[in-house]
C-alpha atoms as a PDB file:
ATOM      1  CA  MET A   1       0.019  -0.065  -0.311  1.00  0.00           C
ATOM      2  CA  LEU A   2       2.768   2.505   1.243  1.00  0.00           C
ATOM      3  CA  GLN A   3       4.660   1.552  -2.170  1.00  0.00           C
ATOM      4  CA  SER A   4       1.610   2.129  -3.939  1.00  0.00           C
ATOM      5  CA  LEU A   5       0.859   5.608  -2.413  1.00  0.00           C
ATOM      6  CA  ARG A   6       4.535   6.541  -2.782  1.00  0.00           C
ATOM      7  CA  SER A   7       4.877   5.825  -6.882  1.00  0.00           C
ATOM      8  CA  HIS A   8       1.158   7.166  -8.004  1.00  0.00           C
ATOM      9  CA  TRP A   9      -0.145   9.341  -5.515  1.00  0.00           C
ATOM     10  CA  PRO A  10       0.335  11.826  -9.012  1.00  0.00           C
ATOM     11  CA  GLU A  11      -2.139   9.596 -10.498  1.00  0.00           C
ATOM     12  CA  TYR A  12      -4.608   9.643  -7.741  1.00  0.00           C
ATOM     13  CA  LEU A  13      -4.939  13.342  -7.719  1.00  0.00           C
ATOM     14  CA  MET A  14      -5.158  13.400 -11.327  1.00  0.00           C
ATOM     15  CA  GLU A  15      -8.427  11.031 -11.305  1.00  0.00           C
ATOM     16  CA  ALA A  16      -9.815  13.695  -8.058  1.00  0.00           C
ATOM     17  CA  GLY A  17      -9.177  16.441 -10.293  1.00  0.00           C
ATOM     18  CA  GLU A  18     -10.541  14.604 -13.602  1.00  0.00           C
ATOM     19  CA  LEU A  19     -13.900  13.623 -12.447  1.00  0.00           C
ATOM     20  CA  GLY A  20     -14.130  16.902  -9.818  1.00  0.00           C
ATOM     21  CA  ALA A  21     -13.977  18.867 -13.651  1.00  0.00           C
ATOM     22  CA  PHE A  22     -16.178  17.353 -15.112  1.00  0.00           C
ATOM     23  CA  MET A  23     -19.232  17.558 -12.146  1.00  0.00           C
ATOM     24  CA  LEU A  24     -18.048  21.391 -11.494  1.00  0.00           C
ATOM     25  CA  LEU A  25     -18.537  21.582 -15.979  1.00  0.00           C
ATOM     26  CA  ALA A  26     -21.609  19.714 -15.448  1.00  0.00           C
ATOM     27  CA  SER A  27     -22.858  21.880 -12.555  1.00  0.00           C
ATOM     28  CA  GLY A  28     -22.141  25.000 -14.394  1.00  0.00           C
ATOM     29  CA  PHE A  29     -23.514  24.405 -17.631  1.00  0.00           C
ATOM     30  CA  ALA A  30     -26.486  22.599 -15.754  1.00  0.00           C
ATOM     31  CA  THR A  31     -27.193  25.517 -14.118  1.00  0.00           C
ATOM     32  CA  LEU A  32     -27.036  28.286 -17.286  1.00  0.00           C
ATOM     33  CA  LEU A  33     -29.458  26.206 -19.290  1.00  0.00           C
ATOM     34  CA  TYR A  34     -31.536  24.779 -17.027  1.00  0.00           C
ATOM     35  CA  ALA A  35     -31.776  27.615 -13.945  1.00  0.00           C
ATOM     36  CA  PRO A  36     -34.879  29.746 -13.720  1.00  0.00           C
ATOM     37  CA  THR A  37     -32.580  32.802 -13.123  1.00  0.00           C
ATOM     38  CA  SER A  38     -30.972  32.185 -16.324  1.00  0.00           C
ATOM     39  CA  PRO A  39     -31.728  33.795 -19.632  1.00  0.00           C
ATOM     40  CA  VAL A  40     -31.068  30.954 -21.569  1.00  0.00           C
ATOM     41  CA  PRO A  41     -34.529  28.755 -20.889  1.00  0.00           C
ATOM     42  CA  GLU A  42     -35.775  32.214 -22.431  1.00  0.00           C
ATOM     43  CA  LEU A  43     -33.948  31.689 -25.212  1.00  0.00           C
ATOM     44  CA  ILE A  44     -33.909  28.052 -25.839  1.00  0.00           C
ATOM     45  CA  PRO A  45     -36.759  27.117 -24.960  1.00  0.00           C
ATOM     46  CA  ASN A  46     -37.673  23.795 -26.565  1.00  0.00           C
ATOM     47  CA  GLY A  47     -36.409  21.388 -23.510  1.00  0.00           C
ATOM     48  CA  LEU A  48     -34.949  18.865 -26.520  1.00  0.00           C
ATOM     49  CA  LEU A  49     -32.806  21.475 -28.235  1.00  0.00           C
ATOM     50  CA  ARG A  50     -30.882  22.413 -24.325  1.00  0.00           C
ATOM     51  CA  GLY A  51     -30.795  18.991 -23.634  1.00  0.00           C
ATOM     52  CA  VAL A  52     -28.910  18.943 -27.013  1.00  0.00           C
ATOM     53  CA  VAL A  53     -26.632  21.332 -26.453  1.00  0.00           C
ATOM     54  CA  MET A  54     -26.263  19.865 -23.168  1.00  0.00           C
ATOM     55  CA  GLY A  55     -24.997  16.673 -24.027  1.00  0.00           C
ATOM     56  CA  SER A  56     -23.249  18.273 -26.432  1.00  0.00           C
ATOM     57  CA  ILE A  57     -20.648  20.681 -24.092  1.00  0.00           C
ATOM     58  CA  MET A  58     -20.850  17.331 -21.846  1.00  0.00           C
ATOM     59  CA  GLY A  59     -19.131  15.613 -24.668  1.00  0.00           C
ATOM     60  CA  ILE A  60     -16.676  18.471 -25.833  1.00  0.00           C
ATOM     61  CA  CYS A  61     -15.929  18.821 -21.483  1.00  0.00           C
ATOM     62  CA  ALA A  62     -15.466  14.521 -21.704  1.00  0.00           C
ATOM     63  CA  ILE A  63     -12.419  14.533 -24.871  1.00  0.00           C
ATOM     64  CA  ALA A  64     -10.629  17.540 -22.771  1.00  0.00           C
ATOM     65  CA  ILE A  65     -10.232  16.343 -20.059  1.00  0.00           C
ATOM     66  CA  ILE A  66      -9.409  12.802 -21.928  1.00  0.00           C
ATOM     67  CA  TYR A  67      -6.496  14.273 -23.895  1.00  0.00           C
ATOM     68  CA  SER A  68      -5.519  16.742 -20.889  1.00  0.00           C
ATOM     69  CA  PRO A  69      -2.234  16.227 -19.600  1.00  0.00           C
ATOM     70  CA  TRP A  70      -3.357  14.667 -16.388  1.00  0.00           C
ATOM     71  CA  GLY A  71      -6.005  12.517 -18.093  1.00  0.00           C
ATOM     72  CA  LYS A  72      -3.217  10.978 -20.419  1.00  0.00           C
ATOM     73  CA  GLN A  73      -0.812  10.197 -17.312  1.00  0.00           C
ATOM     74  CA  SER A  74      -3.680   8.503 -15.203  1.00  0.00           C
ATOM     75  CA  GLY A  75      -5.423   7.218 -17.561  1.00  0.00           C
ATOM     76  CA  ALA A  76      -8.383   8.826 -18.120  1.00  0.00           C
ATOM     77  CA  HIS A  77     -10.908   6.721 -15.899  1.00  0.00           C
ATOM     78  CA  PHE A  78     -12.738   9.153 -13.632  1.00  0.00           C
ATOM     79  CA  ASN A  79     -14.847   6.854 -13.026  1.00  0.00           C
ATOM     80  CA  PRO A  80     -14.804   3.558 -10.489  1.00  0.00           C
ATOM     81  CA  ALA A  81     -16.569   1.094 -13.275  1.00  0.00           C
ATOM     82  CA  VAL A  82     -13.888   2.053 -16.293  1.00  0.00           C
ATOM     83  CA  THR A  83     -11.292   1.939 -13.233  1.00  0.00           C
ATOM     84  CA  LEU A  84     -13.227  -2.033 -11.888  1.00  0.00           C
ATOM     85  CA  ALA A  85     -13.091  -3.327 -15.527  1.00  0.00           C
ATOM     86  CA  PHE A  86      -9.202  -2.846 -15.746  1.00  0.00           C
ATOM     87  CA  TYR A  87      -8.743  -4.046 -12.718  1.00  0.00           C
ATOM     88  CA  ARG A  88     -10.584  -7.191 -13.844  1.00  0.00           C
ATOM     89  CA  LEU A  89      -8.102  -7.105 -17.026  1.00  0.00           C
ATOM     90  CA  GLY A  90      -5.189  -6.798 -14.842  1.00  0.00           C
ATOM     91  CA  LYS A  91      -3.818  -3.789 -15.607  1.00  0.00           C
ATOM     92  CA  LEU A  92      -4.079  -2.216 -11.974  1.00  0.00           C
ATOM     93  CA  GLU A  93      -2.859  -3.086  -8.864  1.00  0.00           C
ATOM     94  CA  ALA A  94      -5.088  -3.674  -6.124  1.00  0.00           C
ATOM     95  CA  TRP A  95      -4.045  -0.676  -4.143  1.00  0.00           C
ATOM     96  CA  ASP A  96      -3.775   0.969  -7.177  1.00  0.00           C
ATOM     97  CA  ALA A  97      -7.305   0.590  -7.976  1.00  0.00           C
ATOM     98  CA  LEU A  98      -8.804   1.219  -4.941  1.00  0.00           C
ATOM     99  CA  PHE A  99      -7.136   4.879  -4.061  1.00  0.00           C
ATOM    100  CA  TYR A 100      -8.022   5.510  -7.744  1.00  0.00           C
ATOM    101  CA  VAL A 101     -11.972   4.773  -7.143  1.00  0.00           C
ATOM    102  CA  ILE A 102     -10.991   6.282  -3.548  1.00  0.00           C
ATOM    103  CA  ALA A 103      -9.709   9.926  -5.434  1.00  0.00           C
ATOM    104  CA  GLN A 104     -12.582   9.411  -7.658  1.00  0.00           C
ATOM    105  CA  PHE A 105     -15.112   9.888  -5.356  1.00  0.00           C
ATOM    106  CA  ILE A 106     -13.284  12.733  -3.294  1.00  0.00           C
ATOM    107  CA  GLY A 107     -13.143  14.950  -6.260  1.00  0.00           C
ATOM    108  CA  GLY A 108     -16.491  13.987  -7.480  1.00  0.00           C
ATOM    109  CA  VAL A 109     -18.001  16.201  -4.245  1.00  0.00           C
ATOM    110  CA  ALA A 110     -14.855  18.791  -4.236  1.00  0.00           C
ATOM    111  CA  GLY A 111     -16.477  19.269  -7.804  1.00  0.00           C
ATOM    112  CA  VAL A 112     -20.194  19.683  -6.640  1.00  0.00           C
ATOM    113  CA  GLY A 113     -18.937  21.255  -3.360  1.00  0.00           C
ATOM    114  CA  LEU A 114     -17.511  24.123  -5.616  1.00  0.00           C
ATOM    115  CA  ALA A 115     -20.178  24.083  -7.571  1.00  0.00           C
ATOM    116  CA  VAL A 116     -23.002  24.985  -4.673  1.00  0.00           C
ATOM    117  CA  VAL A 117     -20.256  27.706  -3.548  1.00  0.00           C
ATOM    118  CA  LEU A 118     -19.788  29.418  -7.330  1.00  0.00           C
ATOM    119  CA  PHE A 119     -23.184  29.145  -8.330  1.00  0.00           C
ATOM    120  CA  GLY A 120     -25.330  28.980  -5.054  1.00  0.00           C
ATOM    121  CA  PRO A 121     -29.651  28.575  -5.033  1.00  0.00           C
ATOM    122  CA  ALA A 122     -29.870  28.499  -8.732  1.00  0.00           C
ATOM    123  CA  PHE A 123     -27.959  25.164  -8.576  1.00  0.00           C
ATOM    124  CA  THR A 124     -29.233  23.339  -5.545  1.00  0.00           C
ATOM    125  CA  ASN A 125     -32.764  24.616  -6.474  1.00  0.00           C
ATOM    126  CA  GLN A 126     -34.738  23.094  -8.637  1.00  0.00           C
ATOM    127  CA  PRO A 127     -34.475  22.224 -11.277  1.00  0.00           C
ATOM    128  CA  VAL A 128     -31.308  22.102 -11.371  1.00  0.00           C
ATOM    129  CA  ASN A 129     -30.879  20.687  -8.054  1.00  0.00           C
ATOM    130  CA  TYR A 130     -27.175  19.598  -7.169  1.00  0.00           C
ATOM    131  CA  ILE A 131     -27.849  17.598 -10.998  1.00  0.00           C
ATOM    132  CA  VAL A 132     -28.856  14.748  -9.567  1.00  0.00           C
ATOM    133  CA  THR A 133     -29.991  11.488 -11.492  1.00  0.00           C
ATOM    134  CA  VAL A 134     -32.971   9.992 -10.256  1.00  0.00           C
ATOM    135  CA  PRO A 135     -34.909   7.926 -12.460  1.00  0.00           C
ATOM    136  CA  GLY A 136     -36.889   9.081 -14.682  1.00  0.00           C
ATOM    137  CA  ILE A 137     -40.046   8.537 -17.561  1.00  0.00           C
ATOM    138  CA  TRP A 138     -39.687   4.895 -17.038  1.00  0.00           C
ATOM    139  CA  GLY A 139     -39.111   4.336 -13.735  1.00  0.00           C
ATOM    140  CA  TRP A 140     -36.566   3.095 -11.628  1.00  0.00           C
ATOM    141  CA  THR A 141     -37.174  -0.343 -14.568  1.00  0.00           C
ATOM    142  CA  GLY A 142     -36.347   1.958 -17.393  1.00  0.00           C
ATOM    143  CA  ALA A 143     -33.150   3.648 -15.400  1.00  0.00           C
ATOM    144  CA  LEU A 144     -31.302   0.139 -14.535  1.00  0.00           C
ATOM    145  CA  ALA A 145     -31.566  -1.170 -17.642  1.00  0.00           C
ATOM    146  CA  THR A 146     -30.390   2.020 -19.535  1.00  0.00           C
ATOM    147  CA  GLU A 147     -27.785   2.457 -16.753  1.00  0.00           C
ATOM    148  CA  ALA A 148     -26.700  -1.182 -17.759  1.00  0.00           C
ATOM    149  CA  LEU A 149     -26.514  -0.422 -21.364  1.00  0.00           C
ATOM    150  CA  LEU A 150     -24.758   2.316 -21.837  1.00  0.00           C
ATOM    151  CA  ALA A 151     -21.868   1.262 -19.490  1.00  0.00           C
ATOM    152  CA  PHE A 152     -21.818  -1.977 -21.545  1.00  0.00           C
ATOM    153  CA  GLY A 153     -21.342   0.091 -24.691  1.00  0.00           C
ATOM    154  CA  LEU A 154     -19.043   2.723 -23.701  1.00  0.00           C
ATOM    155  CA  MET A 155     -16.765  -0.168 -21.878  1.00  0.00           C
ATOM    156  CA  VAL A 156     -17.027  -2.220 -25.203  1.00  0.00           C
ATOM    157  CA  MET A 157     -16.688   0.950 -27.337  1.00  0.00           C
ATOM    158  CA  VAL A 158     -13.373   1.454 -25.097  1.00  0.00           C
ATOM    159  CA  LEU A 159     -12.018  -1.425 -25.422  1.00  0.00           C
ATOM    160  CA  ILE A 160     -12.103  -2.117 -28.879  1.00  0.00           C
ATOM    161  CA  VAL A 161     -11.025   1.033 -30.228  1.00  0.00           C
ATOM    162  CA  SER A 162      -8.233   1.933 -27.153  1.00  0.00           C
ATOM    163  CA  ASN A 163      -6.872  -1.218 -28.708  1.00  0.00           C
ATOM    164  CA  HIS A 164      -7.319  -1.069 -32.757  1.00  0.00           C
ATOM    165  CA  THR A 165      -3.604  -0.301 -34.484  1.00  0.00           C
ATOM    166  CA  LYS A 166      -4.786   2.782 -36.201  1.00  0.00           C
ATOM    167  CA  LEU A 167      -7.591   3.878 -34.288  1.00  0.00           C
ATOM    168  CA  HIS A 168      -6.426   3.899 -30.629  1.00  0.00           C
ATOM    169  CA  HIS A 169      -5.755   7.583 -30.467  1.00  0.00           C
ATOM    170  CA  LEU A 170      -8.847   8.712 -30.838  1.00  0.00           C
ATOM    171  CA  THR A 171     -10.698   6.768 -28.389  1.00  0.00           C
ATOM    172  CA  GLY A 172     -11.447   9.948 -26.118  1.00  0.00           C
ATOM    173  CA  VAL A 173     -13.054  11.133 -29.226  1.00  0.00           C
ATOM    174  CA  PHE A 174     -15.472   8.242 -29.300  1.00  0.00           C
ATOM    175  CA  ALA A 175     -16.027   8.362 -25.870  1.00  0.00           C
ATOM    176  CA  GLY A 176     -16.772  12.259 -26.128  1.00  0.00           C
ATOM    177  CA  ILE A 177     -19.363  11.515 -28.594  1.00  0.00           C
ATOM    178  CA  LEU A 178     -20.921   8.471 -26.557  1.00  0.00           C
ATOM    179  CA  VAL A 179     -20.921  10.920 -23.677  1.00  0.00           C
ATOM    180  CA  ALA A 180     -23.036  13.350 -26.283  1.00  0.00           C
ATOM    181  CA  ILE A 181     -25.441  11.401 -27.289  1.00  0.00           C
ATOM    182  CA  PHE A 182     -25.721   9.841 -24.051  1.00  0.00           C
ATOM    183  CA  VAL A 183     -26.690  13.132 -22.115  1.00  0.00           C
ATOM    184  CA  THR A 184     -28.738  13.839 -24.357  1.00  0.00           C
ATOM    185  CA  LEU A 185     -31.202  10.842 -24.766  1.00  0.00           C
ATOM    186  CA  ALA A 186     -30.580   8.902 -21.432  1.00  0.00           C
ATOM    187  CA  GLY A 187     -30.711  12.589 -19.680  1.00  0.00           C
ATOM    188  CA  PRO A 188     -34.507  12.146 -19.244  1.00  0.00           C
ATOM    189  CA  ILE A 189     -34.457   8.764 -18.000  1.00  0.00           C
ATOM    190  CA  SER A 190     -32.208   8.183 -15.703  1.00  0.00           C
ATOM    191  CA  GLY A 191     -30.086  11.530 -15.380  1.00  0.00           C
ATOM    192  CA  MET A 192     -27.126   9.811 -17.029  1.00  0.00           C
ATOM    193  CA  SER A 193     -24.751   9.034 -14.600  1.00  0.00           C
ATOM    194  CA  ILE A 194     -22.855   5.363 -15.492  1.00  0.00           C
ATOM    195  CA  ASN A 195     -20.445   5.955 -12.956  1.00  0.00           C
ATOM    196  CA  PRO A 196     -21.063   6.036  -8.707  1.00  0.00           C
ATOM    197  CA  ALA A 197     -18.804   8.599  -7.772  1.00  0.00           C
ATOM    198  CA  ARG A 198     -21.056  11.355  -9.901  1.00  0.00           C
ATOM    199  CA  THR A 199     -23.941  10.342  -8.488  1.00  0.00           C
ATOM    200  CA  PHE A 200     -22.526   9.768  -5.505  1.00  0.00           C
ATOM    201  CA  ALA A 201     -21.118  13.342  -5.584  1.00  0.00           C
ATOM    202  CA  SER A 202     -24.519  15.026  -6.463  1.00  0.00           C
ATOM    203  CA  GLY A 203     -26.319  12.376  -4.077  1.00  0.00           C
ATOM    204  CA  LEU A 204     -24.500  13.504  -0.799  1.00  0.00           C
ATOM    205  CA  PRO A 205     -25.069  17.271  -0.411  1.00  0.00           C
ATOM    206  CA  ALA A 206     -28.379  17.130  -1.999  1.00  0.00           C
ATOM    207  CA  GLN A 207     -29.601  13.999   0.587  1.00  0.00           C
ATOM    208  CA  VAL A 208     -31.042  11.785  -2.667  1.00  0.00           C
ATOM    209  CA  TRP A 209     -30.344   8.706  -2.840  1.00  0.00           C
ATOM    210  CA  THR A 210     -33.497   7.346  -4.801  1.00  0.00           C
ATOM    211  CA  HIS A 211     -33.419   3.931  -6.048  1.00  0.00           C
ATOM    212  CA  PHE A 212     -29.094   4.725  -5.429  1.00  0.00           C
ATOM    213  CA  TRP A 213     -28.398   1.214  -5.911  1.00  0.00           C
ATOM    214  CA  ILE A 214     -28.853   1.303  -9.745  1.00  0.00           C
ATOM    215  CA  TYR A 215     -26.674   4.404 -10.305  1.00  0.00           C
ATOM    216  CA  TYR A 216     -23.815   2.100  -7.478  1.00  0.00           C
ATOM    217  CA  PHE A 217     -24.634  -1.353  -8.885  1.00  0.00           C
ATOM    218  CA  ALA A 218     -24.935  -1.521 -12.595  1.00  0.00           C
ATOM    219  CA  PRO A 219     -22.402   0.884 -14.420  1.00  0.00           C
ATOM    220  CA  PRO A 220     -19.484  -1.373 -12.557  1.00  0.00           C
ATOM    221  CA  LEU A 221     -21.582  -4.588 -13.165  1.00  0.00           C
ATOM    222  CA  ALA A 222     -22.360  -4.315 -16.977  1.00  0.00           C
ATOM    223  CA  MET A 223     -18.776  -2.451 -17.502  1.00  0.00           C
ATOM    224  CA  LEU A 224     -16.806  -5.925 -16.067  1.00  0.00           C
ATOM    225  CA  LEU A 225     -19.190  -7.688 -17.888  1.00  0.00           C
ATOM    226  CA  ALA A 226     -17.618  -6.324 -21.313  1.00  0.00           C
ATOM    227  CA  ALA A 227     -14.200  -6.559 -20.130  1.00  0.00           C
ATOM    228  CA  GLU A 228     -14.803  -9.773 -19.738  1.00  0.00           C
ATOM    229  CA  LEU A 229     -16.352 -11.324 -22.919  1.00  0.00           C
ATOM    230  CA  TYR A 230     -13.774  -8.926 -24.687  1.00  0.00           C
ATOM    231  CA  LEU A 231     -11.034 -11.020 -23.110  1.00  0.00           C
ATOM    232  CA  ARG A 232     -13.133 -14.351 -23.953  1.00  0.00           C
ATOM    233  CA  LEU A 233     -13.948 -13.118 -27.152  1.00  0.00           C
ATOM    234  CA  SER A 234     -11.211 -11.058 -28.401  1.00  0.00           C
ATOM    235  CA  GLN A 235      -8.441 -13.455 -27.898  1.00  0.00           C
ATOM    236  CA  ARG A 236      -6.676 -10.769 -26.795  1.00  0.00           C
ATOM    237  CA  ARG A 237      -4.122 -12.134 -23.789  1.00  0.00           C
ATOM    238  CA  SER A 238      -4.791  -9.211 -20.741  1.00  0.00           C
ATOM    239  CA  GLN A 239      -0.749  -8.024 -21.020  1.00  0.00           C
ATOM    240  CA  GLU A 240      -1.845  -6.946 -24.663  1.00  0.00           C
ATOM    241  CA  ILE A 241      -4.580  -4.584 -23.598  1.00  0.00           C
ATOM    242  CA  CYS A 242      -4.391  -0.766 -23.317  1.00  0.00           C
ATOM    243  CA  GLY A 243      -5.751   0.622 -19.701  1.00  0.00           C
ATOM    244  CA  LYS A 244      -6.106   3.999 -20.576  1.00  0.00           C
ATOM    245  CA  VAL A 245      -9.189   5.428 -21.900  1.00  0.00           C
ATOM    246  CA  CYS A 246      -6.136   7.797 -23.915  1.00  0.00           C
ATOM    247  CA  PRO A 247      -3.009   5.807 -25.081  1.00  0.00           C
ATOM    248  CA  ASN A 248      -0.045   7.464 -25.244  1.00  0.00           C
ATOM    249  CA  THR A 249       3.616   7.153 -24.837  1.00  0.00           C
ATOM    250  CA  GLU A 250       4.129  10.600 -24.074  1.00  0.00           C
ATOM    251  CA  THR A 251       3.014   9.776 -20.339  1.00  0.00           C
ATOM    252  CA  ARG A 252       4.498   7.119 -17.831  1.00  0.00           C
ATOM    253  CA  CYS A 253       1.392   4.352 -17.009  1.00  0.00           C
ATOM    254  CA  ILE A 254       1.208   2.691 -14.189  1.00  0.00           C
ATOM    255  CA  CYS A 255      -0.755   0.183 -15.376  1.00  0.00           C
ATOM    256  CA  THR A 256       0.547  -3.548 -15.768  1.00  0.00           C
ATOM    257  CA  ALA A 257       2.011  -4.811 -18.970  1.00  0.00           C
ATOM    258  CA  CYS A 258       0.463  -1.493 -20.963  1.00  0.00           C
ATOM    259  CA  PRO A 259       1.236  -2.112 -24.301  1.00  0.00           C
ATOM    260  CA  CYS A 260       0.958   1.645 -25.335  1.00  0.00           C
ATOM    261  CA  MET A 261       4.331   1.870 -23.077  1.00  0.00           C
ATOM    262  CA  GLU A 262       6.215  -0.362 -25.258  1.00  0.00           C
ATOM    263  CA  ASP A 263       5.374   0.020 -28.924  1.00  0.00           C
ATOM    264  CA  PRO A 264       2.553   2.655 -29.907  1.00  0.00           C
ATOM    265  CA  GLN A 265       2.207   0.316 -32.749  1.00  0.00           C
ATOM    266  CA  ALA A 266       1.554  -2.204 -30.623  1.00  0.00           C
ATOM    267  CA  THR A 267      -2.354  -1.292 -29.767  1.00  0.00           C
END
C-alpha cells in the first residue's frame, strides 16, 4: 500500500481532479441551461434542444479532460466502473485500483461542493437540484436498463477502439461522442450517470438517494461484463490490452504490462 502511494500518488490526484472538473463543468452548464434565473431557458425554450446543447457541451468537456496532460497520464478513468473493469483485466494493481476509486469519489464531491459555492441557489434549487441522477420517465426499471446498457456500450467501445492499431488515438473522441449522445437521450430516463462516484457526488449534498443502488451497482457490473466478454471473445491476452482511455507514449503509465508504453503501434 505505502509503495503504491509513494509511487502513484500523482495519478490518484489526477483522477480526483478529472472527475472534479467534469462535475464542476456539468454543474455550471446545467445551471446556465436550466436554472430559472438564467436567461438561457427563455432563449432556448425547447427542452430537447437544450438537452442536445448540454450533451454536446459535456461531450466536448469529456474529450478535453481525456486528452489533457492529467488524463493522458492517469488513463482518464474518472469513473470507478472503468477502473474496476481495467482491474479485472489485470491492468491495475489492487491498491492502485482502490486509491483510484477513493480519489474519484473525493474529486466528484469536491467538484459539486465548489459548484454549490460558485452557483448557489440557482444550482441547489429545482430544477437543477445539484444535478442529481434519479429515475425519470420510465421509472426505476427504465433507469436500470439504461444505465446498464450505456455502461456496457461505453466499455466495449473503449476496449475495442483503444486496442485498435489505427484508431487507438481516437478513443477519447469516440468516448466524448458517446457521452454527448448518452446525456441527450438518457438524461430524461436515468439522469445519465453510468458512474457511481458521479451519482454519489450529487446525492451527498442534496441528500437524494432515490434508487441509488441502480447507479451504484449497474454501471460497474455492466463494465465488468464488457471486460470479461472482450477478454474471452477477442482472443487477446490481458497483457496486450491497454489500460488507458487515451493510449499514448507521452506520459508514464501505472498500468501492468501496458502495450502503449512499449510500442505505440502495438495498440
